[in-house]
ModelCIF file with pLDDT and N, C-alpha, C, O atoms, coordinates in Angstrom:
data_MODEL
#
_entry.id   MODEL 
#
_entity.id                         1 
_entity.type                       polymer 
_entity.pdbx_number_of_molecules   1 
#
_entity_poly.entity_id                      1 
_entity_poly.type                           'polypeptide(L)' 
_entity_poly.nstd_linkage                   no 
_entity_poly.nstd_monomer                   no 
_entity_poly.pdbx_seq_one_letter_code       VYAPAFPTRTAEIELIEGEIVAYEQSTPVELEVPLEEGRSPAGAPEP 
_entity_poly.pdbx_seq_one_letter_code_can   VYAPAFPTRTAEIELIEGEIVAYEQSTPVELEVPLEEGRSPAGAPEP 
_entity_poly.pdbx_strand_id                 A 
#
loop_
_entity_poly_seq.entity_id 
_entity_poly_seq.num 
_entity_poly_seq.mon_id 
_entity_poly_seq.hetero 
1 1  VAL n 
1 2  TYR n 
1 3  ALA n 
1 4  PRO n 
1 5  ALA n 
1 6  PHE n 
1 7  PRO n 
1 8  THR n 
1 9  ARG n 
1 10 THR n 
1 11 ALA n 
1 12 GLU n 
1 13 ILE n 
1 14 GLU n 
1 15 LEU n 
1 16 ILE n 
1 17 GLU n 
1 18 GLY n 
1 19 GLU n 
1 20 ILE n 
1 21 VAL n 
1 22 ALA n 
1 23 TYR n 
1 24 GLU n 
1 25 GLN n 
1 26 SER n 
1 27 THR n 
1 28 PRO n 
1 29 VAL n 
1 30 GLU n 
1 31 LEU n 
1 32 GLU n 
1 33 VAL n 
1 34 PRO n 
1 35 LEU n 
1 36 GLU n 
1 37 GLU n 
1 38 GLY n 
1 39 ARG n 
1 40 SER n 
1 41 PRO n 
1 42 ALA n 
1 43 GLY n 
1 44 ALA n 
1 45 PRO n 
1 46 GLU n 
1 47 PRO n 
#
_struct_asym.id          A 
_struct_asym.entity_id   1 
#
loop_
_ma_qa_metric.id 
_ma_qa_metric.mode 
_ma_qa_metric.name 
_ma_qa_metric.software_group_id 
_ma_qa_metric.type 
1 global pLDDT . pLDDT 
2 local  pLDDT . pLDDT 
#
_ma_qa_metric_global.metric_id      1 
_ma_qa_metric_global.metric_value   84.00 
_ma_qa_metric_global.model_id       1 
_ma_qa_metric_global.ordinal_id     1 
#
loop_
_ma_qa_metric_local.label_asym_id 
_ma_qa_metric_local.label_comp_id 
_ma_qa_metric_local.label_seq_id 
_ma_qa_metric_local.metric_id 
_ma_qa_metric_local.metric_value 
_ma_qa_metric_local.model_id 
_ma_qa_metric_local.ordinal_id 
A VAL 1  2 93.00 1 1  
A TYR 2  2 94.00 1 2  
A ALA 3  2 94.00 1 3  
A PRO 4  2 93.00 1 4  
A ALA 5  2 91.00 1 5  
A PHE 6  2 93.00 1 6  
A PRO 7  2 91.00 1 7  
A THR 8  2 86.00 1 8  
A ARG 9  2 86.00 1 9  
A THR 10 2 90.00 1 10 
A ALA 11 2 90.00 1 11 
A GLU 12 2 91.00 1 12 
A ILE 13 2 93.00 1 13 
A GLU 14 2 94.00 1 14 
A LEU 15 2 93.00 1 15 
A ILE 16 2 94.00 1 16 
A GLU 17 2 94.00 1 17 
A GLY 18 2 93.00 1 18 
A GLU 19 2 93.00 1 19 
A ILE 20 2 90.00 1 20 
A VAL 21 2 88.00 1 21 
A ALA 22 2 86.00 1 22 
A TYR 23 2 86.00 1 23 
A GLU 24 2 84.00 1 24 
A GLN 25 2 83.00 1 25 
A SER 26 2 82.00 1 26 
A THR 27 2 86.00 1 27 
A PRO 28 2 88.00 1 28 
A VAL 29 2 93.00 1 29 
A GLU 30 2 95.00 1 30 
A LEU 31 2 95.00 1 31 
A GLU 32 2 95.00 1 32 
A VAL 33 2 93.00 1 33 
A PRO 34 2 92.00 1 34 
A LEU 35 2 88.00 1 35 
A GLU 36 2 72.00 1 36 
A GLU 37 2 58.00 1 37 
A GLY 38 2 50.00 1 38 
A ARG 39 2 57.00 1 39 
A SER 40 2 48.00 1 40 
A PRO 41 2 46.00 1 41 
A ALA 42 2 48.00 1 42 
A GLY 43 2 59.00 1 43 
A ALA 44 2 73.00 1 44 
A PRO 45 2 86.00 1 45 
A GLU 46 2 89.00 1 46 
A PRO 47 2 92.00 1 47 
#
loop_
_atom_site.group_PDB 
_atom_site.id 
_atom_site.type_symbol 
_atom_site.label_atom_id 
_atom_site.label_alt_id 
_atom_site.label_comp_id 
_atom_site.label_asym_id 
_atom_site.label_entity_id 
_atom_site.label_seq_id 
_atom_site.pdbx_PDB_ins_code 
_atom_site.Cartn_x 
_atom_site.Cartn_y 
_atom_site.Cartn_z 
_atom_site.occupancy 
_atom_site.B_iso_or_equiv 
_atom_site.pdbx_formal_charge 
_atom_site.auth_seq_id 
_atom_site.auth_comp_id 
_atom_site.auth_asym_id 
_atom_site.auth_atom_id 
_atom_site.pdbx_PDB_model_num 
ATOM 1   N N  . VAL A 1 1  ? 25.835 -131.574 -70.136 1.00 93.00 ? 1  VAL A N  1 
ATOM 2   C CA . VAL A 1 1  ? 25.045 -130.580 -71.479 1.00 93.00 ? 1  VAL A CA 1 
ATOM 3   C C  . VAL A 1 1  ? 25.304 -129.486 -71.114 1.00 93.00 ? 1  VAL A C  1 
ATOM 4   O O  . VAL A 1 1  ? 25.485 -129.135 -69.948 1.00 93.00 ? 1  VAL A O  1 
ATOM 5   N N  . TYR A 1 2  ? 25.363 -128.621 -72.382 1.00 94.00 ? 2  TYR A N  1 
ATOM 6   C CA . TYR A 1 2  ? 25.353 -127.465 -72.440 1.00 94.00 ? 2  TYR A CA 1 
ATOM 7   C C  . TYR A 1 2  ? 24.928 -126.462 -73.180 1.00 94.00 ? 2  TYR A C  1 
ATOM 8   O O  . TYR A 1 2  ? 25.160 -126.356 -74.385 1.00 94.00 ? 2  TYR A O  1 
ATOM 9   N N  . ALA A 1 3  ? 24.212 -125.586 -72.429 1.00 94.00 ? 3  ALA A N  1 
ATOM 10  C CA . ALA A 1 3  ? 22.656 -124.803 -73.163 1.00 94.00 ? 3  ALA A CA 1 
ATOM 11  C C  . ALA A 1 3  ? 23.640 -122.978 -73.708 1.00 94.00 ? 3  ALA A C  1 
ATOM 12  O O  . ALA A 1 3  ? 23.650 -122.244 -72.719 1.00 94.00 ? 3  ALA A O  1 
ATOM 13  N N  . PRO A 1 4  ? 24.178 -122.456 -74.667 1.00 93.00 ? 4  PRO A N  1 
ATOM 14  C CA . PRO A 1 4  ? 24.946 -121.925 -74.563 1.00 93.00 ? 4  PRO A CA 1 
ATOM 15  C C  . PRO A 1 4  ? 23.599 -120.471 -74.764 1.00 93.00 ? 4  PRO A C  1 
ATOM 16  O O  . PRO A 1 4  ? 23.806 -119.262 -74.658 1.00 93.00 ? 4  PRO A O  1 
ATOM 17  N N  . ALA A 1 5  ? 22.495 -121.071 -75.022 1.00 91.00 ? 5  ALA A N  1 
ATOM 18  C CA . ALA A 1 5  ? 21.441 -119.557 -74.632 1.00 91.00 ? 5  ALA A CA 1 
ATOM 19  C C  . ALA A 1 5  ? 20.507 -119.588 -73.847 1.00 91.00 ? 5  ALA A C  1 
ATOM 20  O O  . ALA A 1 5  ? 19.415 -119.172 -74.234 1.00 91.00 ? 5  ALA A O  1 
ATOM 21  N N  . PHE A 1 6  ? 20.677 -120.135 -72.403 1.00 93.00 ? 6  PHE A N  1 
ATOM 22  C CA . PHE A 1 6  ? 19.651 -119.877 -71.431 1.00 93.00 ? 6  PHE A CA 1 
ATOM 23  C C  . PHE A 1 6  ? 18.774 -118.114 -70.892 1.00 93.00 ? 6  PHE A C  1 
ATOM 24  O O  . PHE A 1 6  ? 18.955 -116.984 -70.438 1.00 93.00 ? 6  PHE A O  1 
ATOM 25  N N  . PRO A 1 7  ? 17.845 -119.048 -71.380 1.00 91.00 ? 7  PRO A N  1 
ATOM 26  C CA . PRO A 1 7  ? 16.411 -118.024 -70.520 1.00 91.00 ? 7  PRO A CA 1 
ATOM 27  C C  . PRO A 1 7  ? 17.095 -117.368 -69.405 1.00 91.00 ? 7  PRO A C  1 
ATOM 28  O O  . PRO A 1 7  ? 17.454 -118.134 -68.511 1.00 91.00 ? 7  PRO A O  1 
ATOM 29  N N  . THR A 1 8  ? 17.334 -116.241 -69.267 1.00 86.00 ? 8  THR A N  1 
ATOM 30  C CA . THR A 1 8  ? 17.755 -115.283 -68.222 1.00 86.00 ? 8  THR A CA 1 
ATOM 31  C C  . THR A 1 8  ? 17.039 -115.576 -66.915 1.00 86.00 ? 8  THR A C  1 
ATOM 32  O O  . THR A 1 8  ? 17.721 -115.795 -65.914 1.00 86.00 ? 8  THR A O  1 
ATOM 33  N N  . ARG A 1 9  ? 15.484 -115.600 -66.842 1.00 86.00 ? 9  ARG A N  1 
ATOM 34  C CA . ARG A 1 9  ? 14.911 -115.631 -65.402 1.00 86.00 ? 9  ARG A CA 1 
ATOM 35  C C  . ARG A 1 9  ? 14.152 -117.309 -65.331 1.00 86.00 ? 9  ARG A C  1 
ATOM 36  O O  . ARG A 1 9  ? 13.484 -117.650 -64.355 1.00 86.00 ? 9  ARG A O  1 
ATOM 37  N N  . THR A 1 10 ? 14.354 -118.067 -66.320 1.00 90.00 ? 10 THR A N  1 
ATOM 38  C CA . THR A 1 10 ? 14.138 -119.743 -65.934 1.00 90.00 ? 10 THR A CA 1 
ATOM 39  C C  . THR A 1 10 ? 14.781 -120.623 -64.794 1.00 90.00 ? 10 THR A C  1 
ATOM 40  O O  . THR A 1 10 ? 15.930 -121.014 -64.588 1.00 90.00 ? 10 THR A O  1 
ATOM 41  N N  . ALA A 1 11 ? 13.887 -120.740 -64.304 1.00 90.00 ? 11 ALA A N  1 
ATOM 42  C CA . ALA A 1 11 ? 14.691 -121.257 -62.685 1.00 90.00 ? 11 ALA A CA 1 
ATOM 43  C C  . ALA A 1 11 ? 14.684 -123.215 -62.929 1.00 90.00 ? 11 ALA A C  1 
ATOM 44  O O  . ALA A 1 11 ? 15.125 -123.994 -62.084 1.00 90.00 ? 11 ALA A O  1 
ATOM 45  N N  . GLU A 1 12 ? 14.246 -123.513 -63.890 1.00 91.00 ? 12 GLU A N  1 
ATOM 46  C CA . GLU A 1 12 ? 13.785 -125.067 -64.150 1.00 91.00 ? 12 GLU A CA 1 
ATOM 47  C C  . GLU A 1 12 ? 14.495 -125.704 -65.563 1.00 91.00 ? 12 GLU A C  1 
ATOM 48  O O  . GLU A 1 12 ? 14.211 -125.241 -66.668 1.00 91.00 ? 12 GLU A O  1 
ATOM 49  N N  . ILE A 1 13 ? 15.566 -126.956 -65.360 1.00 93.00 ? 13 ILE A N  1 
ATOM 50  C CA . ILE A 1 13 ? 14.837 -127.360 -66.393 1.00 93.00 ? 13 ILE A CA 1 
ATOM 51  C C  . ILE A 1 13 ? 13.997 -128.818 -66.915 1.00 93.00 ? 13 ILE A C  1 
ATOM 52  O O  . ILE A 1 13 ? 14.133 -129.992 -66.570 1.00 93.00 ? 13 ILE A O  1 
ATOM 53  N N  . GLU A 1 14 ? 13.159 -128.206 -67.818 1.00 94.00 ? 14 GLU A N  1 
ATOM 54  C CA . GLU A 1 14 ? 11.759 -129.179 -67.434 1.00 94.00 ? 14 GLU A CA 1 
ATOM 55  C C  . GLU A 1 14 ? 12.091 -130.765 -67.866 1.00 94.00 ? 14 GLU A C  1 
ATOM 56  O O  . GLU A 1 14 ? 11.452 -131.747 -67.488 1.00 94.00 ? 14 GLU A O  1 
ATOM 57  N N  . LEU A 1 15 ? 13.189 -130.759 -68.705 1.00 93.00 ? 15 LEU A N  1 
ATOM 58  C CA . LEU A 1 15 ? 13.317 -132.101 -69.313 1.00 93.00 ? 15 LEU A CA 1 
ATOM 59  C C  . LEU A 1 15 ? 14.595 -132.223 -70.041 1.00 93.00 ? 15 LEU A C  1 
ATOM 60  O O  . LEU A 1 15 ? 15.039 -131.458 -70.897 1.00 93.00 ? 15 LEU A O  1 
ATOM 61  N N  . ILE A 1 16 ? 15.149 -133.370 -69.540 1.00 94.00 ? 16 ILE A N  1 
ATOM 62  C CA . ILE A 1 16 ? 16.558 -133.453 -70.709 1.00 94.00 ? 16 ILE A CA 1 
ATOM 63  C C  . ILE A 1 16 ? 16.365 -135.073 -71.212 1.00 94.00 ? 16 ILE A C  1 
ATOM 64  O O  . ILE A 1 16 ? 15.818 -135.916 -70.501 1.00 94.00 ? 16 ILE A O  1 
ATOM 65  N N  . GLU A 1 17 ? 16.732 -135.259 -72.119 1.00 94.00 ? 17 GLU A N  1 
ATOM 66  C CA . GLU A 1 17 ? 16.542 -136.427 -73.081 1.00 94.00 ? 17 GLU A CA 1 
ATOM 67  C C  . GLU A 1 17 ? 17.588 -137.009 -73.425 1.00 94.00 ? 17 GLU A C  1 
ATOM 68  O O  . GLU A 1 17 ? 18.417 -136.170 -73.777 1.00 94.00 ? 17 GLU A O  1 
ATOM 69  N N  . GLY A 1 18 ? 18.019 -138.186 -73.509 1.00 93.00 ? 18 GLY A N  1 
ATOM 70  C CA . GLY A 1 18 ? 19.052 -139.045 -74.220 1.00 93.00 ? 18 GLY A CA 1 
ATOM 71  C C  . GLY A 1 18 ? 19.433 -140.320 -73.991 1.00 93.00 ? 18 GLY A C  1 
ATOM 72  O O  . GLY A 1 18 ? 18.669 -141.282 -74.060 1.00 93.00 ? 18 GLY A O  1 
ATOM 73  N N  . GLU A 1 19 ? 20.761 -140.379 -73.678 1.00 93.00 ? 19 GLU A N  1 
ATOM 74  C CA . GLU A 1 19 ? 20.906 -142.129 -73.721 1.00 93.00 ? 19 GLU A CA 1 
ATOM 75  C C  . GLU A 1 19 ? 22.034 -142.860 -73.579 1.00 93.00 ? 19 GLU A C  1 
ATOM 76  O O  . GLU A 1 19 ? 23.048 -142.442 -74.139 1.00 93.00 ? 19 GLU A O  1 
ATOM 77  N N  . ILE A 1 20 ? 22.068 -143.598 -73.116 1.00 90.00 ? 20 ILE A N  1 
ATOM 78  C CA . ILE A 1 20 ? 23.822 -144.156 -72.592 1.00 90.00 ? 20 ILE A CA 1 
ATOM 79  C C  . ILE A 1 20 ? 23.520 -145.745 -73.323 1.00 90.00 ? 20 ILE A C  1 
ATOM 80  O O  . ILE A 1 20 ? 22.526 -146.472 -73.351 1.00 90.00 ? 20 ILE A O  1 
ATOM 81  N N  . VAL A 1 21 ? 25.345 -145.893 -74.057 1.00 88.00 ? 21 VAL A N  1 
ATOM 82  C CA . VAL A 1 21 ? 25.042 -147.157 -75.212 1.00 88.00 ? 21 VAL A CA 1 
ATOM 83  C C  . VAL A 1 21 ? 26.169 -147.577 -74.162 1.00 88.00 ? 21 VAL A C  1 
ATOM 84  O O  . VAL A 1 21 ? 26.893 -146.883 -73.449 1.00 88.00 ? 21 VAL A O  1 
ATOM 85  N N  . ALA A 1 22 ? 26.046 -149.150 -74.343 1.00 86.00 ? 22 ALA A N  1 
ATOM 86  C CA . ALA A 1 22 ? 27.123 -149.905 -73.429 1.00 86.00 ? 22 ALA A CA 1 
ATOM 87  C C  . ALA A 1 22 ? 26.946 -151.270 -74.482 1.00 86.00 ? 22 ALA A C  1 
ATOM 88  O O  . ALA A 1 22 ? 26.020 -151.643 -75.201 1.00 86.00 ? 22 ALA A O  1 
ATOM 89  N N  . TYR A 1 23 ? 28.177 -151.757 -74.221 1.00 86.00 ? 23 TYR A N  1 
ATOM 90  C CA . TYR A 1 23 ? 28.635 -153.324 -75.405 1.00 86.00 ? 23 TYR A CA 1 
ATOM 91  C C  . TYR A 1 23 ? 28.557 -153.950 -74.211 1.00 86.00 ? 23 TYR A C  1 
ATOM 92  O O  . TYR A 1 23 ? 28.568 -153.425 -73.098 1.00 86.00 ? 23 TYR A O  1 
ATOM 93  N N  . GLU A 1 24 ? 28.453 -155.436 -74.573 1.00 84.00 ? 24 GLU A N  1 
ATOM 94  C CA . GLU A 1 24 ? 28.330 -156.722 -73.566 1.00 84.00 ? 24 GLU A CA 1 
ATOM 95  C C  . GLU A 1 24 ? 30.113 -156.902 -73.102 1.00 84.00 ? 24 GLU A C  1 
ATOM 96  O O  . GLU A 1 24 ? 30.452 -157.273 -71.978 1.00 84.00 ? 24 GLU A O  1 
ATOM 97  N N  . GLN A 1 25 ? 31.025 -156.584 -74.130 1.00 83.00 ? 25 GLN A N  1 
ATOM 98  C CA . GLN A 1 25 ? 32.509 -157.107 -73.782 1.00 83.00 ? 25 GLN A CA 1 
ATOM 99  C C  . GLN A 1 25 ? 33.332 -156.246 -73.465 1.00 83.00 ? 25 GLN A C  1 
ATOM 100 O O  . GLN A 1 25 ? 32.569 -155.385 -73.027 1.00 83.00 ? 25 GLN A O  1 
ATOM 101 N N  . SER A 1 26 ? 34.400 -155.809 -73.355 1.00 82.00 ? 26 SER A N  1 
ATOM 102 C CA . SER A 1 26 ? 34.770 -154.666 -73.157 1.00 82.00 ? 26 SER A CA 1 
ATOM 103 C C  . SER A 1 26 ? 36.399 -155.322 -73.011 1.00 82.00 ? 26 SER A C  1 
ATOM 104 O O  . SER A 1 26 ? 36.621 -156.036 -72.033 1.00 82.00 ? 26 SER A O  1 
ATOM 105 N N  . THR A 1 27 ? 37.572 -155.040 -74.060 1.00 86.00 ? 27 THR A N  1 
ATOM 106 C CA . THR A 1 27 ? 38.743 -155.616 -73.646 1.00 86.00 ? 27 THR A CA 1 
ATOM 107 C C  . THR A 1 27 ? 39.638 -154.590 -73.944 1.00 86.00 ? 27 THR A C  1 
ATOM 108 O O  . THR A 1 27 ? 39.666 -153.869 -74.941 1.00 86.00 ? 27 THR A O  1 
ATOM 109 N N  . PRO A 1 28 ? 40.798 -154.616 -72.389 1.00 88.00 ? 28 PRO A N  1 
ATOM 110 C CA . PRO A 1 28 ? 41.575 -153.259 -72.676 1.00 88.00 ? 28 PRO A CA 1 
ATOM 111 C C  . PRO A 1 28 ? 42.886 -154.309 -73.819 1.00 88.00 ? 28 PRO A C  1 
ATOM 112 O O  . PRO A 1 28 ? 43.084 -155.516 -73.952 1.00 88.00 ? 28 PRO A O  1 
ATOM 113 N N  . VAL A 1 29 ? 43.478 -153.134 -74.399 1.00 93.00 ? 29 VAL A N  1 
ATOM 114 C CA . VAL A 1 29 ? 44.149 -153.547 -75.808 1.00 93.00 ? 29 VAL A CA 1 
ATOM 115 C C  . VAL A 1 29 ? 45.362 -152.645 -75.431 1.00 93.00 ? 29 VAL A C  1 
ATOM 116 O O  . VAL A 1 29 ? 45.036 -151.521 -75.050 1.00 93.00 ? 29 VAL A O  1 
ATOM 117 N N  . GLU A 1 30 ? 46.560 -152.887 -75.458 1.00 95.00 ? 30 GLU A N  1 
ATOM 118 C CA . GLU A 1 30 ? 48.103 -152.707 -75.543 1.00 95.00 ? 30 GLU A CA 1 
ATOM 119 C C  . GLU A 1 30 ? 48.758 -152.641 -77.041 1.00 95.00 ? 30 GLU A C  1 
ATOM 120 O O  . GLU A 1 30 ? 49.580 -153.506 -77.346 1.00 95.00 ? 30 GLU A O  1 
ATOM 121 N N  . LEU A 1 31 ? 48.500 -151.907 -77.715 1.00 95.00 ? 31 LEU A N  1 
ATOM 122 C CA . LEU A 1 31 ? 49.760 -152.349 -79.195 1.00 95.00 ? 31 LEU A CA 1 
ATOM 123 C C  . LEU A 1 31 ? 50.883 -151.545 -78.579 1.00 95.00 ? 31 LEU A C  1 
ATOM 124 O O  . LEU A 1 31 ? 50.772 -150.805 -77.602 1.00 95.00 ? 31 LEU A O  1 
ATOM 125 N N  . GLU A 1 32 ? 52.110 -151.813 -79.362 1.00 95.00 ? 32 GLU A N  1 
ATOM 126 C CA . GLU A 1 32 ? 53.313 -151.590 -78.933 1.00 95.00 ? 32 GLU A CA 1 
ATOM 127 C C  . GLU A 1 32 ? 54.189 -152.050 -80.852 1.00 95.00 ? 32 GLU A C  1 
ATOM 128 O O  . GLU A 1 32 ? 54.243 -153.068 -81.542 1.00 95.00 ? 32 GLU A O  1 
ATOM 129 N N  . VAL A 1 33 ? 54.808 -150.323 -81.018 1.00 93.00 ? 33 VAL A N  1 
ATOM 130 C CA . VAL A 1 33 ? 55.417 -150.683 -82.433 1.00 93.00 ? 33 VAL A CA 1 
ATOM 131 C C  . VAL A 1 33 ? 56.966 -150.107 -82.483 1.00 93.00 ? 33 VAL A C  1 
ATOM 132 O O  . VAL A 1 33 ? 57.277 -148.917 -82.552 1.00 93.00 ? 33 VAL A O  1 
ATOM 133 N N  . PRO A 1 34 ? 57.790 -151.149 -82.435 1.00 92.00 ? 34 PRO A N  1 
ATOM 134 C CA . PRO A 1 34 ? 59.137 -150.624 -82.515 1.00 92.00 ? 34 PRO A CA 1 
ATOM 135 C C  . PRO A 1 34 ? 59.728 -149.760 -83.460 1.00 92.00 ? 34 PRO A C  1 
ATOM 136 O O  . PRO A 1 34 ? 59.983 -150.230 -84.569 1.00 92.00 ? 34 PRO A O  1 
ATOM 137 N N  . LEU A 1 35 ? 60.070 -148.213 -83.144 1.00 88.00 ? 35 LEU A N  1 
ATOM 138 C CA . LEU A 1 35 ? 60.181 -147.737 -84.110 1.00 88.00 ? 35 LEU A CA 1 
ATOM 139 C C  . LEU A 1 35 ? 61.533 -147.903 -84.864 1.00 88.00 ? 35 LEU A C  1 
ATOM 140 O O  . LEU A 1 35 ? 61.515 -147.494 -86.024 1.00 88.00 ? 35 LEU A O  1 
ATOM 141 N N  . GLU A 1 36 ? 62.901 -148.521 -84.334 1.00 72.00 ? 36 GLU A N  1 
ATOM 142 C CA . GLU A 1 36 ? 63.729 -148.597 -84.963 1.00 72.00 ? 36 GLU A CA 1 
ATOM 143 C C  . GLU A 1 36 ? 64.334 -149.850 -86.174 1.00 72.00 ? 36 GLU A C  1 
ATOM 144 O O  . GLU A 1 36 ? 64.962 -149.590 -87.200 1.00 72.00 ? 36 GLU A O  1 
ATOM 145 N N  . GLU A 1 37 ? 63.828 -151.553 -85.566 1.00 58.00 ? 37 GLU A N  1 
ATOM 146 C CA . GLU A 1 37 ? 63.456 -152.155 -86.264 1.00 58.00 ? 37 GLU A CA 1 
ATOM 147 C C  . GLU A 1 37 ? 62.273 -152.480 -87.132 1.00 58.00 ? 37 GLU A C  1 
ATOM 148 O O  . GLU A 1 37 ? 61.221 -151.848 -87.223 1.00 58.00 ? 37 GLU A O  1 
ATOM 149 N N  . GLY A 1 38 ? 62.763 -153.977 -87.976 1.00 50.00 ? 38 GLY A N  1 
ATOM 150 C CA . GLY A 1 38 ? 61.230 -154.568 -88.609 1.00 50.00 ? 38 GLY A CA 1 
ATOM 151 C C  . GLY A 1 38 ? 60.782 -153.106 -89.342 1.00 50.00 ? 38 GLY A C  1 
ATOM 152 O O  . GLY A 1 38 ? 59.589 -152.842 -89.190 1.00 50.00 ? 38 GLY A O  1 
ATOM 153 N N  . ARG A 1 39 ? 61.435 -152.289 -89.984 1.00 57.00 ? 39 ARG A N  1 
ATOM 154 C CA . ARG A 1 39 ? 60.847 -151.495 -91.320 1.00 57.00 ? 39 ARG A CA 1 
ATOM 155 C C  . ARG A 1 39 ? 60.465 -151.840 -92.683 1.00 57.00 ? 39 ARG A C  1 
ATOM 156 O O  . ARG A 1 39 ? 61.240 -152.334 -93.502 1.00 57.00 ? 39 ARG A O  1 
ATOM 157 N N  . SER A 1 40 ? 59.506 -151.623 -92.848 1.00 48.00 ? 40 SER A N  1 
ATOM 158 C CA . SER A 1 40 ? 58.968 -152.288 -94.371 1.00 48.00 ? 40 SER A CA 1 
ATOM 159 C C  . SER A 1 40 ? 59.903 -151.311 -95.481 1.00 48.00 ? 40 SER A C  1 
ATOM 160 O O  . SER A 1 40 ? 60.343 -150.167 -95.370 1.00 48.00 ? 40 SER A O  1 
ATOM 161 N N  . PRO A 1 41 ? 59.970 -152.169 -96.420 1.00 46.00 ? 41 PRO A N  1 
ATOM 162 C CA . PRO A 1 41 ? 60.859 -151.970 -97.528 1.00 46.00 ? 41 PRO A CA 1 
ATOM 163 C C  . PRO A 1 41 ? 60.646 -150.001 -97.873 1.00 46.00 ? 41 PRO A C  1 
ATOM 164 O O  . PRO A 1 41 ? 61.542 -149.212 -98.173 1.00 46.00 ? 41 PRO A O  1 
ATOM 165 N N  . ALA A 1 42 ? 58.906 -149.666 -97.651 1.00 48.00 ? 42 ALA A N  1 
ATOM 166 C CA . ALA A 1 42 ? 58.989 -148.014 -97.781 1.00 48.00 ? 42 ALA A CA 1 
ATOM 167 C C  . ALA A 1 42 ? 59.759 -147.214 -96.882 1.00 48.00 ? 42 ALA A C  1 
ATOM 168 O O  . ALA A 1 42 ? 59.930 -145.999 -96.973 1.00 48.00 ? 42 ALA A O  1 
ATOM 169 N N  . GLY A 1 43 ? 60.387 -148.278 -95.668 1.00 59.00 ? 43 GLY A N  1 
ATOM 170 C CA . GLY A 1 43 ? 61.005 -147.600 -94.585 1.00 59.00 ? 43 GLY A CA 1 
ATOM 171 C C  . GLY A 1 43 ? 59.881 -146.968 -93.190 1.00 59.00 ? 43 GLY A C  1 
ATOM 172 O O  . GLY A 1 43 ? 60.314 -146.257 -92.283 1.00 59.00 ? 43 GLY A O  1 
ATOM 173 N N  . ALA A 1 44 ? 58.679 -147.337 -93.280 1.00 73.00 ? 44 ALA A N  1 
ATOM 174 C CA . ALA A 1 44 ? 57.797 -146.924 -92.133 1.00 73.00 ? 44 ALA A CA 1 
ATOM 175 C C  . ALA A 1 44 ? 58.174 -148.463 -91.401 1.00 73.00 ? 44 ALA A C  1 
ATOM 176 O O  . ALA A 1 44 ? 58.829 -149.370 -91.914 1.00 73.00 ? 44 ALA A O  1 
ATOM 177 N N  . PRO A 1 45 ? 57.485 -148.432 -89.919 1.00 86.00 ? 45 PRO A N  1 
ATOM 178 C CA . PRO A 1 45 ? 57.351 -149.719 -89.379 1.00 86.00 ? 45 PRO A CA 1 
ATOM 179 C C  . PRO A 1 45 ? 56.375 -150.340 -89.679 1.00 86.00 ? 45 PRO A C  1 
ATOM 180 O O  . PRO A 1 45 ? 55.380 -149.771 -90.130 1.00 86.00 ? 45 PRO A O  1 
ATOM 181 N N  . GLU A 1 46 ? 56.454 -151.923 -89.460 1.00 89.00 ? 46 GLU A N  1 
ATOM 182 C CA . GLU A 1 46 ? 55.636 -152.506 -89.896 1.00 89.00 ? 46 GLU A CA 1 
ATOM 183 C C  . GLU A 1 46 ? 54.555 -152.415 -89.104 1.00 89.00 ? 46 GLU A C  1 
ATOM 184 O O  . GLU A 1 46 ? 54.780 -151.921 -87.999 1.00 89.00 ? 46 GLU A O  1 
ATOM 185 N N  . PRO A 1 47 ? 53.358 -152.769 -89.348 1.00 92.00 ? 47 PRO A N  1 
ATOM 186 C CA . PRO A 1 47 ? 52.105 -152.814 -88.736 1.00 92.00 ? 47 PRO A CA 1 
ATOM 187 C C  . PRO A 1 47 ? 52.285 -154.045 -87.331 1.00 92.00 ? 47 PRO A C  1 
ATOM 188 O O  . PRO A 1 47 ? 51.325 -154.295 -86.603 1.00 92.00 ? 47 PRO A O  1 
#
């Protein structure tokens, strides 16, 4: 949390309100694209 204009004599933050968000599942994914082979007709690598 960053407050760029904090009162100079204030010794306490009275309240910080926020939230955290979580999902039921989290899956690591690693994608690998060969850049020299499997190019599309336009010359770009295939997705």
